[in-house]
Every structure is written in structure tokens, then in C-alpha cells.
Amino acid sequence: MFGDHLAGSALQARRRAIVKTLCYRLIMVLVTVTVAWAVVGDVSDAVNIGIVANVVKTGTYYLYERTWDRISWGVSASTSG
């Protein structure tokens, strides 16, 4: 079950990482905009803060995920239990 993703192709793993990244970042954009709006009190400024912060974070999160995909520490080589 947990090792199944390791058996897929690199392209599938990359696509999965991209989809995970985009879904997570969408949620984080909403959180960031909400917090920024509460702090600065201006919707336009809050949206700008949310977009800029999350564009940067999206790229760094994707690189972080891809880096961990290359690290075998903590991943079982066996798919059977």
C-alpha cells in the first residue's frame, strides 16, 4: 500500500508531486490571504501578499518534495508486509 507509489514511473511520481503541490498551495493561498487581510485590513494588499508569498512557496515546496523523492532514508525497499 505505502510502497505502491515507489513502483510507478518517474513521470507519474513527478505528476503526483505537481498535483499535490498545486492542491496544497491553493489551500495555503486562501490561508495566507485571510491572515494578511486580518493583519493589513485591505483585501487588495492581502491578495497581493497571498499570491507573491505562495508563488515562491510553491516552487520551494516542489523542490523540497523532489529532493525527498531521491532520499531513500526511511523508505522500505520491500512492497510486501
C-alpha atoms as a PDB file:
ATOM      1  CA  MET A   1       0.000   0.000   0.000  1.00  0.00           C
ATOM      2  CA  PHE A   2       2.545   2.633   1.062  1.00  0.00           C
ATOM      3  CA  GLY A   3       5.240   1.301  -1.268  1.00  0.00           C
ATOM      4  CA  ASP A   4       2.985   1.233  -4.337  1.00  0.00           C
ATOM      5  CA  HIS A   5       3.959   4.758  -5.408  1.00  0.00           C
ATOM      6  CA  LEU A   6       7.601   3.706  -5.484  1.00  0.00           C
ATOM      7  CA  ALA A   7       6.880   1.157  -8.212  1.00  0.00           C
ATOM      8  CA  GLY A   8       5.469   3.822 -10.609  1.00  0.00           C
ATOM      9  CA  SER A   9       7.429   5.597 -13.295  1.00  0.00           C
ATOM     10  CA  ALA A  10       9.358   8.769 -12.595  1.00  0.00           C
ATOM     11  CA  LEU A  11       6.861  10.694 -14.742  1.00  0.00           C
ATOM     12  CA  GLN A  12       3.947   9.512 -12.613  1.00  0.00           C
ATOM     13  CA  ALA A  13       5.822  10.468  -9.455  1.00  0.00           C
ATOM     14  CA  ARG A  14       6.565  13.905 -10.904  1.00  0.00           C
ATOM     15  CA  ARG A  15       2.926  14.435 -11.915  1.00  0.00           C
ATOM     16  CA  ARG A  16       1.783  13.368  -8.453  1.00  0.00           C
ATOM     17  CA  ALA A  17       4.202  15.798  -6.832  1.00  0.00           C
ATOM     18  CA  ILE A  18       2.945  18.613  -9.076  1.00  0.00           C
ATOM     19  CA  VAL A  19      -0.734  17.891  -8.298  1.00  0.00           C
ATOM     20  CA  LYS A  20      -0.014  17.601  -4.564  1.00  0.00           C
ATOM     21  CA  THR A  21       1.919  20.854  -4.683  1.00  0.00           C
ATOM     22  CA  LEU A  22      -0.796  22.779  -6.502  1.00  0.00           C
ATOM     23  CA  CYS A  23      -3.613  21.494  -4.269  1.00  0.00           C
ATOM     24  CA  TYR A  24      -1.681  22.279  -1.115  1.00  0.00           C
ATOM     25  CA  ARG A  25      -0.679  25.721  -2.356  1.00  0.00           C
ATOM     26  CA  LEU A  26      -4.269  26.610  -3.255  1.00  0.00           C
ATOM     27  CA  ILE A  27      -5.278  25.954   0.333  1.00  0.00           C
ATOM     28  CA  MET A  28      -2.294  27.935   1.583  1.00  0.00           C
ATOM     29  CA  VAL A  29      -3.125  30.899  -0.682  1.00  0.00           C
ATOM     30  CA  LEU A  30      -6.533  31.079   0.983  1.00  0.00           C
ATOM     31  CA  VAL A  31      -4.987  30.858   4.447  1.00  0.00           C
ATOM     32  CA  THR A  32      -2.334  33.480   3.656  1.00  0.00           C
ATOM     33  CA  VAL A  33      -4.854  35.903   2.136  1.00  0.00           C
ATOM     34  CA  THR A  34      -7.150  35.507   5.137  1.00  0.00           C
ATOM     35  CA  VAL A  35      -4.354  36.135   7.643  1.00  0.00           C
ATOM     36  CA  ALA A  36      -2.941  39.028   5.613  1.00  0.00           C
ATOM     37  CA  TRP A  37      -6.414  40.586   5.381  1.00  0.00           C
ATOM     38  CA  ALA A  38      -6.816  40.312   9.147  1.00  0.00           C
ATOM     39  CA  VAL A  39      -3.423  41.993   9.667  1.00  0.00           C
ATOM     40  CA  VAL A  40      -3.400  44.717   6.999  1.00  0.00           C
ATOM     41  CA  GLY A  41      -7.159  45.252   6.674  1.00  0.00           C
ATOM     42  CA  ASP A  42      -7.072  45.670   2.896  1.00  0.00           C
ATOM     43  CA  VAL A  43      -8.317  42.934   0.571  1.00  0.00           C
ATOM     44  CA  SER A  44      -6.183  44.047  -2.399  1.00  0.00           C
ATOM     45  CA  ASP A  45      -2.982  44.090  -0.349  1.00  0.00           C
ATOM     46  CA  ALA A  46      -3.922  40.752   1.217  1.00  0.00           C
ATOM     47  CA  VAL A  47      -4.422  39.146  -2.203  1.00  0.00           C
ATOM     48  CA  ASN A  48      -1.075  40.527  -3.439  1.00  0.00           C
ATOM     49  CA  ILE A  49       0.697  39.206  -0.343  1.00  0.00           C
ATOM     50  CA  GLY A  50      -1.019  35.836  -0.716  1.00  0.00           C
ATOM     51  CA  ILE A  51      -0.118  35.458  -4.380  1.00  0.00           C
ATOM     52  CA  VAL A  52       3.523  36.535  -4.130  1.00  0.00           C
ATOM     53  CA  ALA A  53       4.228  34.529  -0.979  1.00  0.00           C
ATOM     54  CA  ASN A  54       2.639  31.405  -2.395  1.00  0.00           C
ATOM     55  CA  VAL A  55       4.282  31.544  -5.818  1.00  0.00           C
ATOM     56  CA  VAL A  56       7.636  31.478  -4.030  1.00  0.00           C
ATOM     57  CA  LYS A  57       6.485  28.778  -1.613  1.00  0.00           C
ATOM     58  CA  THR A  58       5.093  26.616  -4.435  1.00  0.00           C
ATOM     59  CA  GLY A  59       8.468  26.427  -6.126  1.00  0.00           C
ATOM     60  CA  THR A  60      10.328  25.701  -2.923  1.00  0.00           C
ATOM     61  CA  TYR A  61       7.794  23.042  -1.869  1.00  0.00           C
ATOM     62  CA  TYR A  62       8.081  21.273  -5.221  1.00  0.00           C
ATOM     63  CA  LEU A  63      11.886  21.233  -4.978  1.00  0.00           C
ATOM     64  CA  TYR A  64      11.628  20.009  -1.385  1.00  0.00           C
ATOM     65  CA  GLU A  65       9.328  17.115  -2.426  1.00  0.00           C
ATOM     66  CA  ARG A  66      11.553  16.159  -5.366  1.00  0.00           C
ATOM     67  CA  THR A  67      14.607  16.204  -3.101  1.00  0.00           C
ATOM     68  CA  TRP A  68      12.930  13.853  -0.608  1.00  0.00           C
ATOM     69  CA  ASP A  69      11.932  11.565  -3.506  1.00  0.00           C
ATOM     70  CA  ARG A  70      15.660  10.999  -4.034  1.00  0.00           C
ATOM     71  CA  ILE A  71      16.375  10.193  -0.384  1.00  0.00           C
ATOM     72  CA  SER A  72      15.875   6.549   0.487  1.00  0.00           C
ATOM     73  CA  TRP A  73      16.165   7.025   4.266  1.00  0.00           C
ATOM     74  CA  GLY A  74      13.051   5.745   6.000  1.00  0.00           C
ATOM     75  CA  VAL A  75      11.563   4.107   2.890  1.00  0.00           C
ATOM     76  CA  SER A  76      11.175   0.353   2.870  1.00  0.00           C
ATOM     77  CA  ALA A  77      12.592  -1.304  -0.249  1.00  0.00           C
ATOM     78  CA  SER A  78      10.092  -4.158   0.090  1.00  0.00           C
ATOM     79  CA  THR A  79       6.461  -3.714  -1.011  1.00  0.00           C
ATOM     80  CA  SER A  80       5.306  -6.835   0.855  1.00  0.00           C
ATOM     81  CA  GLY A  81       4.406  -6.711   4.533  1.00  0.00           C
END
